[in-house]
């Protein structure tokens, strides 16, 4: 194969490769963008759901209550430091204060009512307070149960959301697998087309080679015929040359005879010119020298070396009349 054919093949392959990349990548990018838009829309819808708003409000309320309790606890701690009272925290919601001396009376602060007052109680009052504490504990247990139920509900909702997200992911994966299968099928089809094109090109190359061989054979035959014709022509030319040489010899003989006749004539003319030169006379007209034949008044040019030049004309009445 020549360099030109290789360049053609390389250009075709590069063109096919770029076109396939463009087609496949455009499909992938478009689907990816569409999926991203769907996810954005889903997020916006999820944030607008009433369940999400309720959870967000509950979270804010709990955070506010927690901050209030912290404030009350800090205030109570400051007052207890003023009265030299030690604090022992048994539960997060119920705080008991005990003095360093165990025999002294106990000071209790109910943080749920947010009242910081020190109360001296007797044994009877302590029993009442214990009952109240038990009631408060029961209430707290009920509240904890409610919170646990809410948490369970939230967990269930989260599980449902996760399941939905997993289902969406599975669907997306299935779509991607389908796309990949389609792309693979397209690639296989393209490969088949390329193979067919290569086969066609090979067949065309074989046909071209066969045609070239036939042409070469025909050219060889033509060359042989031309050589034969040239040989015949050369033989004919040799014969013609021989005939021409014979004719030239005859012509040369004739020319020699003619040359001899011309030489005789030239000799006669020279003799006549010599006779005429003997009759020429040098004259001057308008400060120029000329030769004049006294017999027929012919005027000839006088050269610088005083030789006789060309014939100019005749002199009549002292004037030269050109020929």
Protein backbone atom coordinates (compact mmCIF):
# COMPACT_ATOMS: atom_id res chain seq x y z
CA UNK A 1 0.00 0.00 0.00
CA UNK A 2 1.13 3.53 -0.78
CA UNK A 3 1.34 6.40 1.67
CA UNK A 4 -1.69 8.04 0.04
CA UNK A 5 -3.86 4.98 0.69
CA UNK A 6 -2.67 4.80 4.30
CA UNK A 7 -3.50 8.47 4.79
CA UNK A 8 -6.98 7.89 3.35
CA UNK A 9 -7.58 4.96 5.72
CA UNK A 10 -6.35 6.96 8.71
CA UNK A 11 -8.57 9.92 7.84
CA UNK A 12 -11.61 7.65 7.46
CA UNK A 13 -10.96 5.94 10.78
CA UNK A 14 -10.48 9.25 12.59
CA UNK A 15 -13.68 10.64 11.07
CA UNK A 16 -15.70 7.57 12.10
CA UNK A 17 -14.20 7.61 15.58
CA UNK A 18 -14.99 11.30 16.16
CA UNK A 19 -18.54 10.92 14.85
CA UNK A 20 -19.24 7.92 17.11
CA UNK A 21 -17.82 9.78 20.12
CA UNK A 22 -19.95 12.82 19.41
CA UNK A 23 -23.15 10.79 19.07
CA UNK A 24 -22.59 8.68 22.20
CA UNK A 25 -21.35 11.54 24.38
CA UNK A 26 -24.21 13.85 23.42
CA UNK A 27 -26.75 11.19 24.42
CA UNK A 28 -24.98 10.56 27.73
CA UNK A 29 -24.66 14.28 28.57
CA UNK A 30 -28.30 14.99 27.75
CA UNK A 31 -29.54 12.15 29.93
CA UNK A 32 -27.24 13.17 32.76
CA UNK A 33 -28.52 16.75 32.64
CA UNK A 34 -32.13 15.56 32.61
CA UNK A 35 -31.46 13.33 35.65
CA UNK A 36 -29.84 16.23 37.52
CA UNK A 37 -32.87 18.41 36.84
CA UNK A 38 -35.19 15.66 38.11
CA UNK A 39 -33.15 15.34 41.32
CA UNK A 40 -33.29 19.12 41.89
CA UNK A 41 -37.06 19.15 41.42
CA UNK A 42 -37.43 16.23 43.81
CA UNK A 43 -35.38 18.04 46.45
CA UNK A 44 -37.50 21.15 46.16
CA UNK A 45 -40.67 19.05 46.50
CA UNK A 46 -39.34 17.16 49.52
CA UNK A 47 -38.48 20.40 51.32
CA UNK A 48 -42.02 21.64 50.69
CA UNK A 49 -43.73 18.55 52.14
CA UNK A 50 -45.84 19.12 55.33
CA UNK A 51 -44.05 16.26 57.12
CA UNK A 52 -40.74 18.00 56.67
CA UNK A 53 -42.17 21.29 57.95
CA UNK A 54 -43.61 19.59 61.03
CA UNK A 55 -40.33 17.92 61.83
CA UNK A 56 -38.47 21.16 61.39
CA UNK A 57 -40.89 23.00 63.72
CA UNK A 58 -40.63 20.28 66.35
CA UNK A 59 -36.89 20.45 66.18
CA UNK A 60 -36.94 24.20 66.70
CA UNK A 61 -39.33 23.92 69.66
CA UNK A 62 -37.17 21.31 71.34
CA UNK A 63 -34.12 23.44 70.86
CA UNK A 64 -35.88 26.45 72.44
CA UNK A 65 -36.97 24.39 75.45
CA UNK A 66 -33.49 23.05 75.89
CA UNK A 67 -32.07 26.59 75.88
CA UNK A 68 -34.60 27.69 78.50
CA UNK A 69 -33.70 24.81 80.77
CA UNK A 70 -30.05 25.68 80.47
CA UNK A 71 -30.78 29.28 81.47
CA UNK A 72 -32.79 28.16 84.52
CA UNK A 73 -30.07 25.75 85.52
CA UNK A 74 -27.41 28.46 85.32
CA UNK A 75 -29.52 30.86 87.40
CA UNK A 76 -30.11 28.25 90.05
CA UNK A 77 -26.43 27.42 90.11
CA UNK A 78 -25.52 31.04 90.74
CA UNK A 79 -27.98 31.32 93.66
CA UNK A 80 -26.79 28.07 95.18
CA UNK A 81 -23.21 29.32 95.08
CA UNK A 82 -24.31 32.40 97.00
CA UNK A 83 -25.97 30.26 99.78
CA UNK A 84 -23.05 27.76 99.89
CA UNK A 85 -25.23 24.91 98.71
CA UNK A 86 -23.77 21.91 96.86
CA UNK A 87 -25.52 20.45 93.81
CA UNK A 88 -25.95 16.76 92.98
CA UNK A 89 -27.69 16.12 89.63
CA UNK A 90 -29.43 12.74 89.59
CA UNK A 91 -31.70 13.23 86.56
CA UNK A 92 -31.54 15.64 83.66
CA UNK A 93 -35.01 17.09 84.31
CA UNK A 94 -35.23 16.75 88.16
CA UNK A 95 -32.47 18.53 90.08
CA UNK A 96 -32.05 18.01 93.86
CA UNK A 97 -30.01 20.18 96.13
CA UNK A 98 -28.35 18.79 99.24
CA UNK A 99 -26.51 20.74 101.88
CA UNK A 100 -23.13 19.70 103.11
CA UNK A 101 -24.67 18.87 106.51
CA UNK A 102 -27.08 15.95 105.98
CA UNK A 103 -29.10 16.71 109.11
CA UNK A 104 -30.14 20.12 107.81
CA UNK A 105 -33.25 20.71 105.79
CA UNK A 106 -33.27 20.07 102.01
CA UNK A 107 -33.82 22.78 99.41
CA UNK A 108 -35.65 21.67 96.20
CA UNK A 109 -36.15 23.70 93.01
CA UNK A 110 -38.75 22.68 90.45
CA UNK A 111 -37.26 23.77 87.08
CA UNK A 112 -40.43 22.87 85.16
CA UNK A 113 -42.22 25.79 86.86
CA UNK A 114 -39.12 28.02 86.38
CA UNK A 115 -39.28 29.37 89.99
CA UNK A 116 -36.08 29.71 91.92
CA UNK A 117 -37.27 29.66 95.53
CA UNK A 118 -35.69 27.97 98.55
CA UNK A 119 -38.26 26.14 100.72
CA UNK A 120 -37.76 24.68 104.19
CA UNK A 121 -39.76 21.56 104.46
CA UNK A 122 -40.58 19.16 107.15
CA UNK A 123 -40.81 15.43 106.88
CA UNK A 124 -44.44 15.56 105.83
CA UNK A 125 -43.78 18.02 103.10
CA UNK A 126 -40.89 15.89 101.87
CA UNK A 127 -43.29 12.97 101.38
CA UNK A 128 -45.62 15.16 99.37
CA UNK A 129 -42.74 16.28 97.27
CA UNK A 130 -41.67 12.72 96.69
CA UNK A 131 -45.14 11.93 95.42
CA UNK A 132 -45.01 14.96 93.21
CA UNK A 133 -41.64 13.84 91.94
CA UNK A 134 -43.04 10.43 91.17
CA UNK A 135 -45.88 12.04 89.26
CA UNK A 136 -43.44 14.22 87.40
CA UNK A 137 -41.35 11.15 86.63
CA UNK A 138 -44.40 9.40 85.27
CA UNK A 139 -45.20 12.42 83.16
CA UNK A 140 -41.65 12.50 81.95
CA UNK A 141 -41.77 8.81 81.15
CA UNK A 142 -44.95 9.42 79.17
CA UNK A 143 -43.27 12.29 77.38
CA UNK A 144 -40.26 10.12 76.66
CA UNK A 145 -42.54 7.43 75.29
CA UNK A 146 -44.21 10.01 73.09
CA UNK A 147 -40.82 11.22 71.95
CA UNK A 148 -39.77 7.67 71.24
CA UNK A 149 -42.93 7.15 69.22
CA UNK A 150 -42.21 10.33 67.31
CA UNK A 151 -38.67 9.20 66.74
CA UNK A 152 -39.90 5.83 65.53
CA UNK A 153 -42.30 7.57 63.17
CA UNK A 154 -39.46 9.74 61.93
CA UNK A 155 -37.29 6.69 61.47
CA UNK A 156 -40.06 4.98 59.54
CA UNK A 157 -40.44 8.05 57.35
CA UNK A 158 -36.72 8.15 56.81
CA UNK A 159 -36.73 4.45 55.94
CA UNK A 160 -39.51 5.06 53.46
CA UNK A 161 -37.58 7.92 51.93
CA UNK A 162 -34.48 5.75 51.76
CA UNK A 163 -36.49 3.01 50.09
CA UNK A 164 -37.82 5.50 47.57
CA UNK A 165 -34.32 6.77 46.92
CA UNK A 166 -33.08 3.21 46.50
CA UNK A 167 -35.90 2.49 44.07
CA UNK A 168 -34.99 5.61 42.11
CA UNK A 169 -31.35 4.61 42.11
CA UNK A 170 -32.27 1.14 40.89
CA UNK A 171 -34.37 2.65 38.13
CA UNK A 172 -31.51 4.94 37.17
CA UNK A 173 -29.11 2.01 37.17
CA UNK A 174 -31.46 0.04 34.97
CA UNK A 175 -31.73 2.97 32.59
CA UNK A 176 -27.97 3.31 32.51
CA UNK A 177 -27.60 -0.40 31.84
CA UNK A 178 -30.08 -0.13 29.01
CA UNK A 179 -28.17 2.84 27.62
CA UNK A 180 -24.92 0.91 27.86
CA UNK A 181 -26.48 -2.03 26.06
CA UNK A 182 -27.75 0.28 23.34
CA UNK A 183 -24.33 1.87 23.04
CA UNK A 184 -22.70 -1.54 22.83
CA UNK A 185 -25.13 -2.56 20.11
CA UNK A 186 -24.39 0.63 18.21
CA UNK A 187 -20.67 0.02 18.56
CA UNK A 188 -21.08 -3.53 17.29
CA UNK A 189 -23.07 -2.27 14.32
CA UNK A 190 -20.40 0.34 13.62
CA UNK A 191 -17.70 -2.31 13.83
CA UNK A 192 -19.61 -4.50 11.43
CA UNK A 193 -20.00 -1.59 9.03
CA UNK A 194 -16.29 -0.85 9.30
CA UNK A 195 -15.46 -4.49 8.59
CA UNK A 196 -17.74 -4.44 5.55
CA UNK A 197 -16.11 -1.26 4.35
CA UNK A 198 -12.67 -2.80 4.80
CA UNK A 199 -13.75 -5.87 2.83
CA UNK A 200 -15.10 -3.66 0.06
CA UNK A 201 -11.88 -1.68 0.01
CA UNK A 202 -9.84 -4.87 -0.16
CA UNK A 203 -11.98 -6.11 -3.04
CA UNK A 204 -11.55 -2.80 -4.80
CA UNK A 205 -7.80 -2.98 -4.28
CA UNK A 206 -7.70 -6.50 -5.69
CA UNK A 207 -9.72 -5.38 -8.71
CA UNK A 208 -7.39 -2.43 -9.19
CA UNK A 209 -4.36 -4.69 -8.98
CA UNK A 210 -5.85 -7.05 -11.53
CA UNK A 211 -6.64 -4.14 -13.83
CA UNK A 212 -3.11 -2.83 -13.41
CA UNK A 213 -1.68 -6.23 -14.28
CA UNK A 214 -3.85 -6.43 -17.37
CA UNK A 215 -2.80 -2.94 -18.38
CA UNK A 216 0.85 -3.85 -17.87
CA UNK A 217 0.46 -6.93 -20.03
CA UNK A 218 -1.25 -4.88 -22.72
CA UNK A 219 1.51 -2.30 -22.52
CA UNK A 220 4.13 -5.01 -22.90
CA UNK A 221 2.36 -6.34 -25.96
CA UNK A 222 2.13 -2.85 -27.39
CA UNK A 223 5.82 -2.29 -26.70
CA UNK A 224 6.71 -5.50 -28.46
CA UNK A 225 4.59 -4.51 -31.44
CA UNK A 226 6.18 -1.07 -31.43
CA UNK A 227 9.64 -2.65 -31.34
CA UNK A 228 8.76 -4.81 -34.32
CA UNK A 229 7.42 -1.79 -36.15
CA UNK A 230 10.55 0.16 -35.27
CA UNK A 231 12.73 -2.62 -36.62
CA UNK A 232 10.77 -2.66 -39.84
CA UNK A 233 10.94 1.11 -40.03
CA UNK A 234 14.68 1.01 -39.42
CA UNK A 235 15.16 -1.52 -42.18
CA UNK A 236 13.07 0.66 -44.50
CA UNK A 237 14.99 3.74 -43.41
CA UNK A 238 18.29 1.98 -44.13
CA UNK A 239 17.09 1.14 -47.60
CA UNK A 240 15.91 4.70 -48.12
CA UNK A 241 19.20 6.03 -46.82
CA UNK A 242 21.10 3.86 -49.26
CA UNK A 243 18.92 5.13 -52.10
CA UNK A 244 19.35 8.71 -50.87
CA UNK A 245 23.10 8.24 -50.68
CA UNK A 246 23.13 7.06 -54.29
CA UNK A 247 21.01 10.04 -55.29
CA UNK A 248 23.26 12.39 -53.29
CA UNK A 249 26.31 11.00 -55.05
CA UNK A 250 24.66 11.65 -58.38
CA UNK A 251 23.68 15.16 -57.24
CA UNK A 252 27.21 15.80 -56.03
CA UNK A 253 28.53 14.84 -59.41
CA UNK A 254 26.09 17.21 -61.06
CA UNK A 255 26.98 19.97 -58.59
CA UNK A 256 30.65 19.48 -59.28
CA UNK A 257 30.00 19.94 -62.95
CA UNK A 258 27.91 23.03 -62.23
CA UNK A 259 30.62 24.37 -59.92
CA UNK A 260 33.17 23.97 -62.61
CA UNK A 261 30.96 25.90 -65.01
CA UNK A 262 30.39 28.62 -62.39
CA UNK A 263 34.12 28.86 -61.74
CA UNK A 264 34.72 29.39 -65.42
CA UNK A 265 32.05 32.10 -65.51
CA UNK A 266 33.47 33.78 -62.40
CA UNK A 267 36.90 33.78 -63.93
CA UNK A 268 35.52 35.43 -67.00
CA UNK A 269 33.67 38.03 -64.86
CA UNK A 270 36.79 38.75 -62.86
CA UNK A 271 38.70 39.29 -66.02
CA UNK A 272 36.02 41.73 -67.16
CA UNK A 273 36.10 43.53 -63.77
CA UNK A 274 39.85 43.81 -63.93
CA UNK A 275 39.50 45.37 -67.32
CA UNK A 276 36.90 47.78 -65.90
CA UNK A 277 39.09 48.60 -62.91
CA UNK A 278 41.80 49.59 -65.23
CA UNK A 279 39.37 52.17 -66.71
CA UNK A 280 38.22 53.61 -63.29
CA UNK A 281 39.33 57.11 -62.24
CA UNK A 282 39.34 58.60 -58.74
CA UNK A 283 37.20 61.76 -58.47
CA UNK A 284 35.99 63.96 -55.56
CA UNK A 285 32.45 65.25 -55.23
CA UNK A 286 31.46 67.32 -52.17
CA UNK A 287 34.75 66.46 -50.47
CA UNK A 288 34.10 62.69 -50.89
CA UNK A 289 36.11 60.32 -53.08
CA UNK A 290 34.45 58.14 -55.71
CA UNK A 291 35.57 55.90 -58.58
CA UNK A 292 34.26 56.75 -62.04
CA UNK A 293 34.25 54.56 -65.15
CA UNK A 294 35.09 56.79 -68.02
CA UNK A 295 33.47 54.50 -70.56
CA UNK A 296 29.93 54.37 -69.13
CA UNK A 297 30.08 57.06 -66.32
CA UNK A 298 29.34 54.47 -63.61
CA UNK A 299 30.12 55.65 -60.02
CA UNK A 300 31.51 53.28 -57.37
CA UNK A 301 32.10 53.87 -53.67
CA UNK A 302 35.64 54.58 -52.45
CA UNK A 303 36.44 52.77 -49.23
CA UNK A 304 38.79 53.94 -46.47
CA UNK A 305 41.56 51.64 -47.69
CA UNK A 306 41.01 53.08 -51.23
CA UNK A 307 39.42 49.86 -52.47
CA UNK A 308 36.51 49.86 -54.84
CA UNK A 309 33.18 49.61 -53.07
CA UNK A 310 29.62 49.05 -54.21
CA UNK A 311 28.05 50.40 -57.37
CA UNK A 312 26.16 53.64 -56.58
CA UNK A 313 24.82 54.80 -59.92
CA UNK A 314 25.80 57.06 -62.81
CA UNK A 315 27.13 60.61 -62.93
CA UNK A 316 25.25 62.99 -65.24
CA UNK A 317 26.09 66.66 -65.41
CA UNK A 318 28.26 66.43 -62.26
CA UNK A 319 25.47 64.82 -60.21
CA UNK A 320 25.15 61.22 -59.04
CA UNK A 321 21.94 59.52 -60.04
CA UNK A 322 21.40 56.52 -57.82
CA UNK A 323 20.44 53.22 -59.38
